[in-house]
Amino acid sequence: MPTYIALLNYTQKGMETFKQGPERRAAAKKMFAAAGANLKAVYLTMGRCDAVAIAEAPDDATMARLALAGCSQGFLRTETMRAFTEEETDKIVASLP
């Protein structure tokens, strides 16, 4: 399954309800599982982003739907990127002209 990295930033609403984060994370993991995806890890970070999430999803459309569903709750904003494994990268490089 493709891997995705999401850079997360909390909204004002997200910060005001920050203590509910563990329950929201558990709900997100269930939502991902129901879509055939896997929210592998969520890390609280320091710097430009408040948190980073690592996920796997069957395809880009599924990941986009999950990201939109999560953001629509109003607690966070995300910049989601498709990540290529070393093996996937090697195949890409090998296919270069």
N, C-alpha and C. Protein backbone atom coordinates (compact mmCIF):
# COMPACT_ATOMS: atom_id res chain seq x y z
N MET A 1 0.84 -1.18 0.00
CA MET A 1 0.00 0.00 0.00
C MET A 1 0.89 1.24 0.00
N PRO A 2 0.49 2.27 -0.73
CA PRO A 2 1.26 3.52 -0.71
C PRO A 2 1.33 4.13 0.69
N THR A 3 2.44 4.79 0.96
CA THR A 3 2.66 5.46 2.24
C THR A 3 2.47 6.96 2.06
N TYR A 4 1.93 7.60 3.07
CA TYR A 4 1.68 9.04 3.06
C TYR A 4 2.21 9.65 4.35
N ILE A 5 2.75 10.85 4.23
CA ILE A 5 3.20 11.62 5.37
C ILE A 5 2.34 12.87 5.41
N ALA A 6 1.73 13.13 6.56
CA ALA A 6 0.89 14.32 6.71
C ALA A 6 1.50 15.25 7.74
N LEU A 7 1.74 16.48 7.33
CA LEU A 7 2.20 17.52 8.24
C LEU A 7 0.95 18.20 8.80
N LEU A 8 0.79 18.17 10.11
CA LEU A 8 -0.44 18.64 10.73
C LEU A 8 -0.21 19.91 11.53
N ASN A 9 -1.18 20.81 11.46
CA ASN A 9 -1.19 22.00 12.29
C ASN A 9 -2.57 22.12 12.91
N TYR A 10 -2.59 22.37 14.21
CA TYR A 10 -3.86 22.49 14.92
C TYR A 10 -4.50 23.85 14.65
N THR A 11 -5.80 23.86 14.52
CA THR A 11 -6.55 25.11 14.42
C THR A 11 -6.77 25.64 15.84
N GLN A 12 -7.37 26.81 15.94
CA GLN A 12 -7.70 27.34 17.26
C GLN A 12 -8.61 26.36 18.00
N LYS A 13 -9.60 25.82 17.29
CA LYS A 13 -10.51 24.83 17.89
C LYS A 13 -9.73 23.59 18.37
N GLY A 14 -8.75 23.17 17.58
CA GLY A 14 -7.94 22.02 17.96
C GLY A 14 -7.13 22.27 19.22
N MET A 15 -6.61 23.49 19.35
CA MET A 15 -5.83 23.83 20.54
C MET A 15 -6.73 23.97 21.76
N GLU A 16 -7.91 24.52 21.57
CA GLU A 16 -8.84 24.68 22.70
C GLU A 16 -9.31 23.34 23.25
N THR A 17 -9.29 22.31 22.42
CA THR A 17 -9.76 20.98 22.83
C THR A 17 -8.62 19.96 22.76
N PHE A 18 -7.39 20.43 22.95
CA PHE A 18 -6.21 19.60 22.78
C PHE A 18 -6.23 18.33 23.64
N LYS A 19 -6.78 18.43 24.84
CA LYS A 19 -6.82 17.27 25.75
C LYS A 19 -7.67 16.12 25.20
N GLN A 20 -8.54 16.40 24.24
CA GLN A 20 -9.37 15.36 23.61
C GLN A 20 -8.62 14.67 22.47
N GLY A 21 -7.38 15.06 22.25
CA GLY A 21 -6.58 14.51 21.16
C GLY A 21 -6.48 12.99 21.14
N PRO A 22 -6.22 12.33 22.28
CA PRO A 22 -6.13 10.87 22.25
C PRO A 22 -7.42 10.19 21.75
N GLU A 23 -8.56 10.73 22.14
CA GLU A 23 -9.83 10.16 21.67
C GLU A 23 -10.02 10.41 20.18
N ARG A 24 -9.64 11.58 19.70
CA ARG A 24 -9.76 11.88 18.27
C ARG A 24 -8.81 11.01 17.46
N ARG A 25 -7.60 10.78 17.98
CA ARG A 25 -6.64 9.91 17.29
C ARG A 25 -7.20 8.49 17.18
N ALA A 26 -7.78 7.99 18.26
CA ALA A 26 -8.37 6.64 18.23
C ALA A 26 -9.50 6.57 17.21
N ALA A 27 -10.32 7.61 17.14
CA ALA A 27 -11.42 7.64 16.17
C ALA A 27 -10.87 7.70 14.75
N ALA A 28 -9.79 8.44 14.55
CA ALA A 28 -9.17 8.53 13.23
C ALA A 28 -8.63 7.17 12.80
N LYS A 29 -8.02 6.44 13.73
CA LYS A 29 -7.50 5.11 13.40
C LYS A 29 -8.63 4.18 12.97
N LYS A 30 -9.77 4.28 13.63
CA LYS A 30 -10.93 3.46 13.24
C LYS A 30 -11.44 3.86 11.87
N MET A 31 -11.48 5.18 11.60
CA MET A 31 -11.93 5.67 10.30
C MET A 31 -10.99 5.17 9.19
N PHE A 32 -9.71 5.20 9.43
CA PHE A 32 -8.74 4.70 8.44
C PHE A 32 -8.96 3.20 8.21
N ALA A 33 -9.09 2.44 9.28
CA ALA A 33 -9.29 0.99 9.15
C ALA A 33 -10.55 0.68 8.36
N ALA A 34 -11.62 1.40 8.60
CA ALA A 34 -12.87 1.18 7.89
C ALA A 34 -12.72 1.45 6.39
N ALA A 35 -11.77 2.31 6.02
CA ALA A 35 -11.53 2.64 4.62
C ALA A 35 -10.47 1.72 3.99
N GLY A 36 -10.00 0.72 4.74
CA GLY A 36 -8.96 -0.17 4.23
C GLY A 36 -7.58 0.46 4.29
N ALA A 37 -7.41 1.46 5.13
CA ALA A 37 -6.14 2.17 5.28
C ALA A 37 -5.61 1.94 6.70
N ASN A 38 -4.43 2.48 6.97
CA ASN A 38 -3.81 2.29 8.28
C ASN A 38 -3.13 3.58 8.71
N LEU A 39 -3.61 4.17 9.79
CA LEU A 39 -2.93 5.32 10.40
C LEU A 39 -1.87 4.72 11.31
N LYS A 40 -0.65 4.64 10.80
CA LYS A 40 0.43 3.92 11.48
C LYS A 40 0.95 4.63 12.72
N ALA A 41 1.11 5.96 12.64
CA ALA A 41 1.70 6.68 13.77
C ALA A 41 1.36 8.16 13.66
N VAL A 42 1.27 8.78 14.83
CA VAL A 42 1.10 10.24 14.90
C VAL A 42 2.12 10.73 15.93
N TYR A 43 2.94 11.69 15.50
CA TYR A 43 3.99 12.22 16.37
C TYR A 43 3.72 13.70 16.66
N LEU A 44 3.75 14.10 17.90
CA LEU A 44 3.74 15.50 18.27
C LEU A 44 5.13 16.02 17.95
N THR A 45 5.22 17.17 17.29
CA THR A 45 6.52 17.69 16.87
C THR A 45 6.70 19.14 17.31
N MET A 46 7.93 19.58 17.24
CA MET A 46 8.26 20.97 17.53
C MET A 46 8.74 21.58 16.23
N GLY A 47 8.44 22.85 16.02
CA GLY A 47 8.87 23.50 14.79
C GLY A 47 7.68 23.98 13.99
N ARG A 48 7.82 23.99 12.68
CA ARG A 48 6.79 24.52 11.77
C ARG A 48 5.48 23.77 11.88
N CYS A 49 5.53 22.48 12.13
CA CYS A 49 4.32 21.65 12.21
C CYS A 49 4.09 21.22 13.65
N ASP A 50 2.81 21.09 14.00
CA ASP A 50 2.46 20.67 15.35
C ASP A 50 2.57 19.16 15.52
N ALA A 51 2.34 18.44 14.42
CA ALA A 51 2.38 16.98 14.48
C ALA A 51 2.65 16.43 13.08
N VAL A 52 3.08 15.18 13.03
CA VAL A 52 3.30 14.47 11.77
C VAL A 52 2.62 13.11 11.89
N ALA A 53 1.90 12.73 10.83
CA ALA A 53 1.24 11.43 10.80
C ALA A 53 1.81 10.61 9.65
N ILE A 54 1.93 9.31 9.88
CA ILE A 54 2.36 8.37 8.86
C ILE A 54 1.20 7.42 8.63
N ALA A 55 0.79 7.28 7.37
CA ALA A 55 -0.36 6.44 7.05
C ALA A 55 -0.10 5.63 5.79
N GLU A 56 -0.87 4.58 5.64
CA GLU A 56 -0.91 3.79 4.40
C GLU A 56 -2.35 3.76 3.94
N ALA A 57 -2.54 3.89 2.64
CA ALA A 57 -3.88 3.83 2.06
C ALA A 57 -3.80 3.12 0.72
N PRO A 58 -4.90 2.52 0.28
CA PRO A 58 -4.88 1.78 -0.97
C PRO A 58 -4.53 2.64 -2.19
N ASP A 59 -4.89 3.93 -2.16
CA ASP A 59 -4.65 4.80 -3.31
C ASP A 59 -4.77 6.26 -2.88
N ASP A 60 -4.41 7.15 -3.81
CA ASP A 60 -4.44 8.59 -3.52
C ASP A 60 -5.84 9.09 -3.21
N ALA A 61 -6.84 8.57 -3.93
CA ALA A 61 -8.21 9.02 -3.71
C ALA A 61 -8.69 8.69 -2.29
N THR A 62 -8.36 7.51 -1.82
CA THR A 62 -8.74 7.12 -0.45
C THR A 62 -8.06 8.02 0.56
N MET A 63 -6.77 8.29 0.35
CA MET A 63 -6.05 9.15 1.29
C MET A 63 -6.61 10.56 1.26
N ALA A 64 -6.93 11.07 0.08
CA ALA A 64 -7.50 12.41 -0.02
C ALA A 64 -8.83 12.48 0.72
N ARG A 65 -9.66 11.45 0.55
CA ARG A 65 -10.96 11.41 1.24
C ARG A 65 -10.77 11.41 2.75
N LEU A 66 -9.83 10.62 3.24
CA LEU A 66 -9.57 10.55 4.68
C LEU A 66 -9.03 11.87 5.22
N ALA A 67 -8.13 12.50 4.47
CA ALA A 67 -7.58 13.79 4.90
C ALA A 67 -8.68 14.85 4.95
N LEU A 68 -9.52 14.88 3.92
CA LEU A 68 -10.61 15.85 3.90
C LEU A 68 -11.60 15.60 5.03
N ALA A 69 -11.91 14.34 5.28
CA ALA A 69 -12.84 14.00 6.36
C ALA A 69 -12.26 14.44 7.71
N GLY A 70 -10.98 14.21 7.90
CA GLY A 70 -10.35 14.62 9.15
C GLY A 70 -10.33 16.12 9.32
N CYS A 71 -9.95 16.83 8.28
CA CYS A 71 -9.87 18.30 8.36
C CYS A 71 -11.25 18.95 8.49
N SER A 72 -12.26 18.30 7.95
CA SER A 72 -13.60 18.89 7.98
C SER A 72 -14.16 18.98 9.40
N GLN A 73 -13.54 18.30 10.35
CA GLN A 73 -13.98 18.38 11.73
C GLN A 73 -13.53 19.68 12.39
N GLY A 74 -12.57 20.36 11.75
CA GLY A 74 -12.17 21.69 12.23
C GLY A 74 -11.07 21.73 13.27
N PHE A 75 -10.44 20.60 13.57
CA PHE A 75 -9.42 20.58 14.61
C PHE A 75 -8.01 20.76 14.06
N LEU A 76 -7.82 20.50 12.77
CA LEU A 76 -6.48 20.58 12.20
C LEU A 76 -6.51 20.88 10.72
N ARG A 77 -5.36 21.26 10.20
CA ARG A 77 -5.11 21.43 8.78
C ARG A 77 -3.95 20.51 8.44
N THR A 78 -3.93 20.02 7.20
CA THR A 78 -2.89 19.08 6.83
C THR A 78 -2.28 19.40 5.49
N GLU A 79 -1.03 19.07 5.35
CA GLU A 79 -0.35 19.02 4.07
C GLU A 79 0.09 17.57 3.92
N THR A 80 -0.54 16.85 3.02
CA THR A 80 -0.31 15.42 2.90
C THR A 80 0.52 15.13 1.66
N MET A 81 1.53 14.29 1.83
CA MET A 81 2.46 13.96 0.75
C MET A 81 2.53 12.46 0.54
N ARG A 82 2.64 12.05 -0.69
CA ARG A 82 2.88 10.65 -1.02
C ARG A 82 4.36 10.39 -0.80
N ALA A 83 4.69 9.34 -0.08
CA ALA A 83 6.08 8.98 0.19
C ALA A 83 6.41 7.68 -0.53
N PHE A 84 7.56 7.64 -1.16
CA PHE A 84 8.00 6.46 -1.89
C PHE A 84 9.06 5.72 -1.07
N THR A 85 8.91 4.42 -0.94
CA THR A 85 9.89 3.61 -0.23
C THR A 85 11.20 3.59 -1.02
N GLU A 86 12.24 3.08 -0.41
CA GLU A 86 13.51 2.95 -1.12
C GLU A 86 13.35 2.05 -2.34
N GLU A 87 12.61 0.97 -2.20
CA GLU A 87 12.40 0.05 -3.32
C GLU A 87 11.63 0.75 -4.45
N GLU A 88 10.59 1.49 -4.09
CA GLU A 88 9.83 2.22 -5.10
C GLU A 88 10.70 3.26 -5.79
N THR A 89 11.54 3.94 -5.01
CA THR A 89 12.44 4.94 -5.57
C THR A 89 13.42 4.30 -6.53
N ASP A 90 13.96 3.14 -6.16
CA ASP A 90 14.92 2.45 -7.03
C ASP A 90 14.26 2.07 -8.35
N LYS A 91 12.99 1.64 -8.33
CA LYS A 91 12.30 1.31 -9.57
C LYS A 91 12.11 2.56 -10.43
N ILE A 92 11.77 3.67 -9.78
CA ILE A 92 11.62 4.93 -10.52
C ILE A 92 12.94 5.32 -11.18
N VAL A 93 14.02 5.24 -10.42
CA VAL A 93 15.33 5.61 -10.94
C VAL A 93 15.72 4.67 -12.09
N ALA A 94 15.47 3.39 -11.93
CA ALA A 94 15.83 2.41 -12.96
C ALA A 94 15.05 2.64 -14.25
N SER A 95 13.89 3.25 -14.16
CA SER A 95 13.09 3.46 -15.36
C SER A 95 13.41 4.77 -16.10
N LEU A 96 14.33 5.56 -15.51
CA LEU A 96 14.70 6.81 -16.17
C LEU A 96 15.40 6.54 -17.50
N PRO A 97 15.16 7.41 -18.48
CA PRO A 97 15.81 7.20 -19.81
C PRO A 97 17.31 7.42 -19.73
